[in-house]
Amino acid sequence: MKKRYLLITALILLLSGCNKVTKDNYNKIKSGMTYEEVVKFLGEPEGCSEALGISNCTWKNDDAQIAITFISNQVTIAVANGLK
């Protein structure tokens, strides 16, 4: 029984540390950063759409979202909703 509680506690801590869609991480985004630089602190996006060298990528959690537009693999616009 004790092992079960330890496992559940470890899992909760692990999952709570996975939320990278935060105000702190949003504030790290700077114009001109590459997609790879952004992925280092936000992780892989939930999805991206691409056309003519423009990529629109979105990172989400339950209540928050960060959307970034990359032109030629560089941040041009970053918008956030619901960040804490």
PDB file of N, CA and C in Angstrom:
ATOM      1  N   MET A   1       0.814  -1.186   0.000  1.00  0.00           N
ATOM      2  CA  MET A   1       0.000   0.000   0.000  1.00  0.00           C
ATOM      3  C   MET A   1       0.866   1.262   0.000  1.00  0.00           C
ATOM      4  N   LYS A   2       1.959   1.230   0.749  1.00  0.00           N
ATOM      5  CA  LYS A   2       2.849   2.384   0.823  1.00  0.00           C
ATOM      6  C   LYS A   2       3.493   2.654  -0.538  1.00  0.00           C
ATOM      7  N   LYS A   3       3.846   1.584  -1.260  1.00  0.00           N
ATOM      8  CA  LYS A   3       4.440   1.740  -2.586  1.00  0.00           C
ATOM      9  C   LYS A   3       3.453   2.417  -3.538  1.00  0.00           C
ATOM     10  N   ARG A   4       2.192   2.082  -3.388  1.00  0.00           N
ATOM     11  CA  ARG A   4       1.172   2.660  -4.254  1.00  0.00           C
ATOM     12  C   ARG A   4       1.087   4.179  -4.047  1.00  0.00           C
ATOM     13  N   TYR A   5       1.102   4.621  -2.788  1.00  0.00           N
ATOM     14  CA  TYR A   5       1.062   6.053  -2.498  1.00  0.00           C
ATOM     15  C   TYR A   5       2.304   6.766  -3.028  1.00  0.00           C
ATOM     16  N   LEU A   6       3.447   6.131  -2.901  1.00  0.00           N
ATOM     17  CA  LEU A   6       4.672   6.715  -3.435  1.00  0.00           C
ATOM     18  C   LEU A   6       4.597   6.849  -4.953  1.00  0.00           C
ATOM     19  N   LEU A   7       4.082   5.839  -5.612  1.00  0.00           N
ATOM     20  CA  LEU A   7       3.956   5.864  -7.063  1.00  0.00           C
ATOM     21  C   LEU A   7       2.989   6.960  -7.504  1.00  0.00           C
ATOM     22  N   ILE A   8       1.866   7.068  -6.837  1.00  0.00           N
ATOM     23  CA  ILE A   8       0.878   8.101  -7.172  1.00  0.00           C
ATOM     24  C   ILE A   8       1.462   9.490  -6.939  1.00  0.00           C
ATOM     25  N   THR A   9       2.152   9.687  -5.836  1.00  0.00           N
ATOM     26  CA  THR A   9       2.776  10.977  -5.545  1.00  0.00           C
ATOM     27  C   THR A   9       3.817  11.329  -6.591  1.00  0.00           C
ATOM     28  N   ALA A  10       4.646  10.375  -6.953  1.00  0.00           N
ATOM     29  CA  ALA A  10       5.675  10.612  -7.974  1.00  0.00           C
ATOM     30  C   ALA A  10       5.038  10.962  -9.311  1.00  0.00           C
ATOM     31  N   LEU A  11       3.968  10.280  -9.661  1.00  0.00           N
ATOM     32  CA  LEU A  11       3.285  10.547 -10.923  1.00  0.00           C
ATOM     33  C   LEU A  11       2.679  11.952 -10.933  1.00  0.00           C
ATOM     34  N   ILE A  12       2.073  12.357  -9.837  1.00  0.00           N
ATOM     35  CA  ILE A  12       1.503  13.704  -9.748  1.00  0.00           C
ATOM     36  C   ILE A  12       2.591  14.763  -9.884  1.00  0.00           C
ATOM     37  N   LEU A  13       3.700  14.570  -9.213  1.00  0.00           N
ATOM     38  CA  LEU A  13       4.803  15.526  -9.317  1.00  0.00           C
ATOM     39  C   LEU A  13       5.364  15.586 -10.727  1.00  0.00           C
ATOM     40  N   LEU A  14       5.476  14.440 -11.356  1.00  0.00           N
ATOM     41  CA  LEU A  14       5.991  14.380 -12.725  1.00  0.00           C
ATOM     42  C   LEU A  14       5.066  15.104 -13.684  1.00  0.00           C
ATOM     43  N   LEU A  15       3.783  14.842 -13.578  1.00  0.00           N
ATOM     44  CA  LEU A  15       2.818  15.469 -14.484  1.00  0.00           C
ATOM     45  C   LEU A  15       2.677  16.959 -14.234  1.00  0.00           C
ATOM     46  N   SER A  16       2.745  17.380 -12.997  1.00  0.00           N
ATOM     47  CA  SER A  16       2.636  18.811 -12.718  1.00  0.00           C
ATOM     48  C   SER A  16       3.850  19.564 -13.237  1.00  0.00           C
ATOM     49  N   GLY A  17       4.988  18.925 -13.342  1.00  0.00           N
ATOM     50  CA  GLY A  17       6.183  19.550 -13.888  1.00  0.00           C
ATOM     51  C   GLY A  17       6.185  19.619 -15.399  1.00  0.00           C
ATOM     52  N   CYS A  18       5.222  18.975 -16.046  1.00  0.00           N
ATOM     53  CA  CYS A  18       5.162  18.928 -17.502  1.00  0.00           C
ATOM     54  C   CYS A  18       4.481  20.149 -18.095  1.00  0.00           C
ATOM     55  N   ASN A  19       3.790  20.924 -17.293  1.00  0.00           N
ATOM     56  CA  ASN A  19       3.087  22.085 -17.806  1.00  0.00           C
ATOM     57  C   ASN A  19       4.093  23.178 -18.141  1.00  0.00           C
ATOM     58  N   LYS A  20       4.325  23.368 -19.409  1.00  0.00           N
ATOM     59  CA  LYS A  20       5.288  24.370 -19.841  1.00  0.00           C
ATOM     60  C   LYS A  20       4.608  25.603 -20.415  1.00  0.00           C
ATOM     61  N   VAL A  21       3.279  25.577 -20.494  1.00  0.00           N
ATOM     62  CA  VAL A  21       2.522  26.716 -21.002  1.00  0.00           C
ATOM     63  C   VAL A  21       2.244  27.646 -19.819  1.00  0.00           C
ATOM     64  N   THR A  22       3.261  28.445 -19.501  1.00  0.00           N
ATOM     65  CA  THR A  22       3.194  29.342 -18.347  1.00  0.00           C
ATOM     66  C   THR A  22       3.559  30.763 -18.749  1.00  0.00           C
ATOM     67  N   LYS A  23       3.228  31.697 -17.885  1.00  0.00           N
ATOM     68  CA  LYS A  23       3.573  33.102 -18.123  1.00  0.00           C
ATOM     69  C   LYS A  23       5.089  33.282 -18.179  1.00  0.00           C
ATOM     70  N   ASP A  24       5.809  32.567 -17.304  1.00  0.00           N
ATOM     71  CA  ASP A  24       7.275  32.661 -17.304  1.00  0.00           C
ATOM     72  C   ASP A  24       7.856  32.227 -18.645  1.00  0.00           C
ATOM     73  N   ASN A  25       7.381  31.109 -19.167  1.00  0.00           N
ATOM     74  CA  ASN A  25       7.888  30.641 -20.455  1.00  0.00           C
ATOM     75  C   ASN A  25       7.445  31.549 -21.596  1.00  0.00           C
ATOM     76  N   TYR A  26       6.230  32.079 -21.521  1.00  0.00           N
ATOM     77  CA  TYR A  26       5.775  33.020 -22.550  1.00  0.00           C
ATOM     78  C   TYR A  26       6.698  34.241 -22.588  1.00  0.00           C
ATOM     79  N   ASN A  27       7.097  34.717 -21.419  1.00  0.00           N
ATOM     80  CA  ASN A  27       7.972  35.895 -21.348  1.00  0.00           C
ATOM     81  C   ASN A  27       9.369  35.625 -21.902  1.00  0.00           C
ATOM     82  N   LYS A  28       9.750  34.372 -22.060  1.00  0.00           N
ATOM     83  CA  LYS A  28      11.052  34.020 -22.641  1.00  0.00           C
ATOM     84  C   LYS A  28      11.055  34.139 -24.163  1.00  0.00           C
ATOM     85  N   ILE A  29       9.877  34.157 -24.764  1.00  0.00           N
ATOM     86  CA  ILE A  29       9.771  34.197 -26.229  1.00  0.00           C
ATOM     87  C   ILE A  29      10.168  35.581 -26.722  1.00  0.00           C
ATOM     88  N   LYS A  30      11.124  35.604 -27.633  1.00  0.00           N
ATOM     89  CA  LYS A  30      11.606  36.864 -28.196  1.00  0.00           C
ATOM     90  C   LYS A  30      11.515  36.813 -29.716  1.00  0.00           C
ATOM     91  N   SER A  31      11.200  37.939 -30.300  1.00  0.00           N
ATOM     92  CA  SER A  31      11.160  38.044 -31.757  1.00  0.00           C
ATOM     93  C   SER A  31      12.513  37.646 -32.338  1.00  0.00           C
ATOM     94  N   GLY A  32      12.492  36.830 -33.378  1.00  0.00           N
ATOM     95  CA  GLY A  32      13.728  36.387 -34.015  1.00  0.00           C
ATOM     96  C   GLY A  32      14.218  35.032 -33.540  1.00  0.00           C
ATOM     97  N   MET A  33      13.672  34.515 -32.419  1.00  0.00           N
ATOM     98  CA  MET A  33      14.067  33.176 -31.955  1.00  0.00           C
ATOM     99  C   MET A  33      13.670  32.146 -33.013  1.00  0.00           C
ATOM    100  N   THR A  34      14.429  31.072 -33.072  1.00  0.00           N
ATOM    101  CA  THR A  34      14.083  29.995 -33.995  1.00  0.00           C
ATOM    102  C   THR A  34      13.073  29.047 -33.346  1.00  0.00           C
ATOM    103  N   TYR A  35      12.451  28.244 -34.181  1.00  0.00           N
ATOM    104  CA  TYR A  35      11.516  27.224 -33.700  1.00  0.00           C
ATOM    105  C   TYR A  35      12.214  26.310 -32.694  1.00  0.00           C
ATOM    106  N   GLU A  36      13.432  25.904 -33.002  1.00  0.00           N
ATOM    107  CA  GLU A  36      14.184  24.997 -32.132  1.00  0.00           C
ATOM    108  C   GLU A  36      14.458  25.622 -30.767  1.00  0.00           C
ATOM    109  N   GLU A  37      14.768  26.910 -30.732  1.00  0.00           N
ATOM    110  CA  GLU A  37      15.002  27.590 -29.456  1.00  0.00           C
ATOM    111  C   GLU A  37      13.735  27.608 -28.605  1.00  0.00           C
ATOM    112  N   VAL A  38      12.589  27.846 -29.226  1.00  0.00           N
ATOM    113  CA  VAL A  38      11.317  27.877 -28.504  1.00  0.00           C
ATOM    114  C   VAL A  38      10.974  26.493 -27.960  1.00  0.00           C
ATOM    115  N   VAL A  39      11.192  25.463 -28.771  1.00  0.00           N
ATOM    116  CA  VAL A  39      10.879  24.085 -28.365  1.00  0.00           C
ATOM    117  C   VAL A  39      11.709  23.666 -27.159  1.00  0.00           C
ATOM    118  N   LYS A  40      12.896  24.228 -26.983  1.00  0.00           N
ATOM    119  CA  LYS A  40      13.732  23.871 -25.836  1.00  0.00           C
ATOM    120  C   LYS A  40      13.046  24.166 -24.504  1.00  0.00           C
ATOM    121  N   PHE A  41      12.254  25.228 -24.421  1.00  0.00           N
ATOM    122  CA  PHE A  41      11.598  25.529 -23.147  1.00  0.00           C
ATOM    123  C   PHE A  41      10.085  25.304 -23.154  1.00  0.00           C
ATOM    124  N   LEU A  42       9.446  25.274 -24.323  1.00  0.00           N
ATOM    125  CA  LEU A  42       8.007  24.999 -24.358  1.00  0.00           C
ATOM    126  C   LEU A  42       7.687  23.547 -24.689  1.00  0.00           C
ATOM    127  N   GLY A  43       8.660  22.824 -25.220  1.00  0.00           N
ATOM    128  CA  GLY A  43       8.397  21.464 -25.671  1.00  0.00           C
ATOM    129  C   GLY A  43       7.767  21.488 -27.062  1.00  0.00           C
ATOM    130  N   GLU A  44       7.419  20.319 -27.559  1.00  0.00           N
ATOM    131  CA  GLU A  44       6.814  20.228 -28.890  1.00  0.00           C
ATOM    132  C   GLU A  44       5.401  20.815 -28.860  1.00  0.00           C
ATOM    133  N   PRO A  45       5.008  21.535 -29.914  1.00  0.00           N
ATOM    134  CA  PRO A  45       3.665  22.095 -29.950  1.00  0.00           C
ATOM    135  C   PRO A  45       2.608  21.017 -30.164  1.00  0.00           C
ATOM    136  N   GLU A  46       1.374  21.348 -29.827  1.00  0.00           N
ATOM    137  CA  GLU A  46       0.265  20.426 -30.093  1.00  0.00           C
ATOM    138  C   GLU A  46       0.010  20.331 -31.574  1.00  0.00           C
ATOM    139  N   GLY A  47       0.295  21.394 -32.278  1.00  0.00           N
ATOM    140  CA  GLY A  47       0.089  21.355 -33.718  1.00  0.00           C
ATOM    141  C   GLY A  47       0.647  22.585 -34.393  1.00  0.00           C
ATOM    142  N   CYS A  48       0.956  22.419 -35.679  1.00  0.00           N
ATOM    143  CA  CYS A  48       1.440  23.519 -36.502  1.00  0.00           C
ATOM    144  C   CYS A  48       0.783  23.416 -37.877  1.00  0.00           C
ATOM    145  N   SER A  49       0.501  24.566 -38.453  1.00  0.00           N
ATOM    146  CA  SER A  49       0.063  24.598 -39.843  1.00  0.00           C
ATOM    147  C   SER A  49       1.090  25.424 -40.604  1.00  0.00           C
ATOM    148  N   GLU A  50       1.385  24.992 -41.824  1.00  0.00           N
ATOM    149  CA  GLU A  50       2.432  25.659 -42.597  1.00  0.00           C
ATOM    150  C   GLU A  50       1.955  25.982 -44.003  1.00  0.00           C
ATOM    151  N   ALA A  51       2.373  27.150 -44.484  1.00  0.00           N
ATOM    152  CA  ALA A  51       2.112  27.546 -45.861  1.00  0.00           C
ATOM    153  C   ALA A  51       3.080  28.652 -46.249  1.00  0.00           C
ATOM    154  N   LEU A  52       3.753  28.480 -47.381  1.00  0.00           N
ATOM    155  CA  LEU A  52       4.629  29.501 -47.943  1.00  0.00           C
ATOM    156  C   LEU A  52       5.674  30.039 -46.966  1.00  0.00           C
ATOM    157  N   GLY A  53       6.299  29.159 -46.190  1.00  0.00           N
ATOM    158  CA  GLY A  53       7.344  29.566 -45.262  1.00  0.00           C
ATOM    159  C   GLY A  53       6.842  30.169 -43.963  1.00  0.00           C
ATOM    160  N   ILE A  54       5.529  30.140 -43.746  1.00  0.00           N
ATOM    161  CA  ILE A  54       4.933  30.654 -42.515  1.00  0.00           C
ATOM    162  C   ILE A  54       4.349  29.489 -41.737  1.00  0.00           C
ATOM    163  N   SER A  55       4.732  29.365 -40.467  1.00  0.00           N
ATOM    164  CA  SER A  55       4.212  28.307 -39.598  1.00  0.00           C
ATOM    165  C   SER A  55       3.472  28.943 -38.430  1.00  0.00           C
ATOM    166  N   ASN A  56       2.291  28.439 -38.157  1.00  0.00           N
ATOM    167  CA  ASN A  56       1.522  28.848 -36.984  1.00  0.00           C
ATOM    168  C   ASN A  56       1.452  27.647 -36.050  1.00  0.00           C
ATOM    169  N   CYS A  57       2.060  27.776 -34.874  1.00  0.00           N
ATOM    170  CA  CYS A  57       2.133  26.662 -33.936  1.00  0.00           C
ATOM    171  C   CYS A  57       1.429  27.032 -32.633  1.00  0.00           C
ATOM    172  N   THR A  58       0.840  26.008 -31.995  1.00  0.00           N
ATOM    173  CA  THR A  58       0.089  26.223 -30.771  1.00  0.00           C
ATOM    174  C   THR A  58       0.523  25.256 -29.684  1.00  0.00           C
ATOM    175  N   TRP A  59       0.741  25.794 -28.494  1.00  0.00           N
ATOM    176  CA  TRP A  59       1.028  25.020 -27.292  1.00  0.00           C
ATOM    177  C   TRP A  59      -0.147  25.229 -26.354  1.00  0.00           C
ATOM    178  N   LYS A  60      -0.661  24.142 -25.779  1.00  0.00           N
ATOM    179  CA  LYS A  60      -1.844  24.252 -24.911  1.00  0.00           C
ATOM    180  C   LYS A  60      -1.690  23.420 -23.654  1.00  0.00           C
ATOM    181  N   ASN A  61      -2.413  23.855 -22.616  1.00  0.00           N
ATOM    182  CA  ASN A  61      -2.701  22.995 -21.477  1.00  0.00           C
ATOM    183  C   ASN A  61      -4.195  23.145 -21.226  1.00  0.00           C
ATOM    184  N   ASP A  62      -4.687  22.728 -20.100  1.00  0.00           N
ATOM    185  CA  ASP A  62      -6.127  22.750 -19.841  1.00  0.00           C
ATOM    186  C   ASP A  62      -6.749  24.136 -19.992  1.00  0.00           C
ATOM    187  N   ASP A  63      -6.117  25.151 -19.440  1.00  0.00           N
ATOM    188  CA  ASP A  63      -6.714  26.486 -19.383  1.00  0.00           C
ATOM    189  C   ASP A  63      -5.979  27.547 -20.187  1.00  0.00           C
ATOM    190  N   ALA A  64      -4.815  27.239 -20.698  1.00  0.00           N
ATOM    191  CA  ALA A  64      -3.983  28.265 -21.325  1.00  0.00           C
ATOM    192  C   ALA A  64      -3.496  27.825 -22.698  1.00  0.00           C
ATOM    193  N   GLN A  65      -3.100  28.844 -23.463  1.00  0.00           N
ATOM    194  CA  GLN A  65      -2.626  28.582 -24.820  1.00  0.00           C
ATOM    195  C   GLN A  65      -1.594  29.629 -25.218  1.00  0.00           C
ATOM    196  N   ILE A  66      -0.573  29.183 -25.935  1.00  0.00           N
ATOM    197  CA  ILE A  66       0.400  30.081 -26.543  1.00  0.00           C
ATOM    198  C   ILE A  66       0.413  29.764 -28.034  1.00  0.00           C
ATOM    199  N   ALA A  67       0.224  30.795 -28.851  1.00  0.00           N
ATOM    200  CA  ALA A  67       0.259  30.635 -30.310  1.00  0.00           C
ATOM    201  C   ALA A  67       1.389  31.499 -30.852  1.00  0.00           C
ATOM    202  N   ILE A  68       2.209  30.895 -31.698  1.00  0.00           N
ATOM    203  CA  ILE A  68       3.363  31.611 -32.247  1.00  0.00           C
ATOM    204  C   ILE A  68       3.365  31.471 -33.763  1.00  0.00           C
ATOM    205  N   THR A  69       3.622  32.593 -34.450  1.00  0.00           N
ATOM    206  CA  THR A  69       3.796  32.585 -35.894  1.00  0.00           C
ATOM    207  C   THR A  69       5.287  32.695 -36.183  1.00  0.00           C
ATOM    208  N   PHE A  70       5.783  31.739 -36.962  1.00  0.00           N
ATOM    209  CA  PHE A  70       7.177  31.719 -37.400  1.00  0.00           C
ATOM    210  C   PHE A  70       7.207  32.039 -38.891  1.00  0.00           C
ATOM    211  N   ILE A  71       8.053  32.977 -39.268  1.00  0.00           N
ATOM    212  CA  ILE A  71       8.299  33.244 -40.682  1.00  0.00           C
ATOM    213  C   ILE A  71       9.759  32.953 -40.925  1.00  0.00           C
ATOM    214  N   SER A  72      10.020  32.082 -41.898  1.00  0.00           N
ATOM    215  CA  SER A  72      11.390  31.621 -42.182  1.00  0.00           C
ATOM    216  C   SER A  72      12.043  31.094 -40.911  1.00  0.00           C
ATOM    217  N   ASN A  73      11.275  30.327 -40.120  1.00  0.00           N
ATOM    218  CA  ASN A  73      11.748  29.661 -38.907  1.00  0.00           C
ATOM    219  C   ASN A  73      12.122  30.624 -37.779  1.00  0.00           C
ATOM    220  N   GLN A  74      11.600  31.848 -37.810  1.00  0.00           N
ATOM    221  CA  GLN A  74      11.870  32.808 -36.737  1.00  0.00           C
ATOM    222  C   GLN A  74      10.561  33.364 -36.187  1.00  0.00           C
ATOM    223  N   VAL A  75      10.510  33.551 -34.859  1.00  0.00           N
ATOM    224  CA  VAL A  75       9.329  34.095 -34.203  1.00  0.00           C
ATOM    225  C   VAL A  75       9.062  35.502 -34.726  1.00  0.00           C
ATOM    226  N   THR A  76       7.813  35.735 -35.142  1.00  0.00           N
ATOM    227  CA  THR A  76       7.416  37.078 -35.529  1.00  0.00           C
ATOM    228  C   THR A  76       6.280  37.595 -34.638  1.00  0.00           C
ATOM    229  N   ILE A  77       5.359  36.693 -34.287  1.00  0.00           N
ATOM    230  CA  ILE A  77       4.226  37.060 -33.437  1.00  0.00           C
ATOM    231  C   ILE A  77       4.006  35.962 -32.398  1.00  0.00           C
ATOM    232  N   ALA A  78       3.794  36.357 -31.154  1.00  0.00           N
ATOM    233  CA  ALA A  78       3.442  35.417 -30.090  1.00  0.00           C
ATOM    234  C   ALA A  78       2.247  35.977 -29.328  1.00  0.00           C
ATOM    235  N   VAL A  79       1.243  35.140 -29.131  1.00  0.00           N
ATOM    236  CA  VAL A  79       0.014  35.550 -28.448  1.00  0.00           C
ATOM    237  C   VAL A  79      -0.322  34.483 -27.406  1.00  0.00           C
ATOM    238  N   ALA A  80      -0.850  34.919 -26.255  1.00  0.00           N
ATOM    239  CA  ALA A  80      -1.195  33.971 -25.196  1.00  0.00           C
ATOM    240  C   ALA A  80      -2.581  34.271 -24.641  1.00  0.00           C
ATOM    241  N   ASN A  81      -3.234  33.213 -24.155  1.00  0.00           N
ATOM    242  CA  ASN A  81      -4.525  33.339 -23.489  1.00  0.00           C
ATOM    243  C   ASN A  81      -4.537  32.459 -22.245  1.00  0.00           C
ATOM    244  N   GLY A  82      -5.079  32.991 -21.148  1.00  0.00           N
ATOM    245  CA  GLY A  82      -5.297  32.198 -19.951  1.00  0.00           C
ATOM    246  C   GLY A  82      -4.067  31.822 -19.143  1.00  0.00           C
ATOM    247  N   LEU A  83      -2.962  32.501 -19.346  1.00  0.00           N
ATOM    248  CA  LEU A  83      -1.734  32.161 -18.605  1.00  0.00           C
ATOM    249  C   LEU A  83      -1.827  32.606 -17.155  1.00  0.00           C
ATOM    250  N   LYS A  84      -1.176  31.816 -16.293  1.00  0.00           N
ATOM    251  CA  LYS A  84      -1.130  32.151 -14.859  1.00  0.00           C
ATOM    252  C   LYS A  84       0.288  32.381 -14.432  1.00  0.00           C
TER     253      LYS A  84
END
